Amino acid sequence: MEIKKQVLELNEEVIELRRDFHQHPELGFEEFRTSQKVMEYLNQLGLEAKQITKTGVVATLQGNQPGPTVMLRADMDALPVEEENDVSYKSVNPGIMHACAHDGHTAMLLVAAKILSRNRDKIAGNIKFVFEPNEENVAALQMIEDGVLEDPKVDACFGIHLWSTLESGKMAITAGPVMAGMNHFDLIIKGKGGHTATPQNSIDPILTSASVIQAVQAIQTREISVLQPTIIMFGQIEGGTASNIIPDKVTLKGTMRFLHEINEDDEEGPGKRFERIVANTCKAYRADYELDFVSGHPTLVNDRALTEVVKSVAQKVLEGPSTSEQIVSYISLAGEDFSEFAARVPGVFYFVGAGNRQKETDFPHHHPRFNIDEDVLKLGVEMHVRTALQYLNIDR
């Protein structure tokens, strides 16, 4: 099949696609241009692309022989970040940029679909290409509810993340828990407004909020074992209109992350512990509260048997005497809603290093200077192709 040769022949195309997506970023569920371009590309390959979950896209390649169905997934949404890179393909949409490599993910999967489509006569089974919208806000569960894992029923799933903190030329492929489960929370502390000259006549939600922020840190340091990593972070605080006015409420937003499986109905779960401390702290200050866990997903756990399959594929893709040093283990407390897919069918999510200091592609994800080493795009394409074929037991 000469997979590597076919990948190299399409290297310029995958770079052009990535740059086009990068230059025209769109936020979650607003990926109208992106999804249209994806659908047109897939349709030109002879695949019947369909929209799903608003701006998502799915297409299935049916092989010439019966067999299982493998799913390859890419995400498409960008972030509300103002780009600071000085590149020819800089974002043309103010305040929006691809600061998490989703542009590269989409481009890699499209080109992989082209190569696999050319070789459908050698495929026994089905390959489902899934382009997810709004990954940053957990759209995977909605895609599942909309039937993305059915018709045909998915037997295994694989996903790639280009990773800027991992050196280009390396891949991180790890069995077991690999990325954090996560819950986003919105918390409103309700007090009683008044004048800062007479605080005794008010109930200060700012003071209460400060105590809540401090108190919940005990969960991750005193209530849960350090062998079960848990992080509670506040990323947004809003309250007050003037320096001499005690507001009647303060809004706090943040995330709770964990690298272990939890049952949120369990009284010992992080969410229940969080609300217990919030409730009792507010009671101590005579304040009220509203707490809502607005979105979340479970811990991403890689199937151990399939992880070995991906590792064997990586050895073919990387080649060379130092392959053992290029394939590393890596665990992150960043969240990834691919976990929703992997919780329902065996799956593996792995990282392709895209960090190169000389090319200034080593800025962290979500940074306004984030960029990727485009030389690694071909590695991602080849990994997609070979992984699908290896799973279907027809790799040549």
Foldseek 3Di string as FASTA:
>chain_A
DPLLVLLVVCLVVLVVQLLQLQQEAAAFLGCQVVLVVLCVLCVVLVWHWDAFPRSKIKTKQFAPAADAEEEEEAERHWDQAAADDDDPSHHPDGRTGRQFCSSLQSSLLSSLSNVCSVVSHLFHHMYMYIYHGNQVFQCPVVRVVRPSCVPPHHAEYEYEGAFAQAAFLFKAQDAWFFEWWKWKKKKKKFKAKDWQVCCVVIQAQVVLVVVLVVVLVCCQVPQDDVVKHKDWDWDDKDDDDDPGMRTRMMMIITMIIIRDFDDVVDCSDSVNSSVVSSCVSSVVSVIDMDMDRDGIAHGAGADPVLSVLLLVLQCVLSPDDCSVVRYHHHHYHHDGSVSVVCVPHHYTYMYRYFHDVVVPQNDGGPDSHHDGNSVCSSSSSSSVNQSSCVVSVRRD
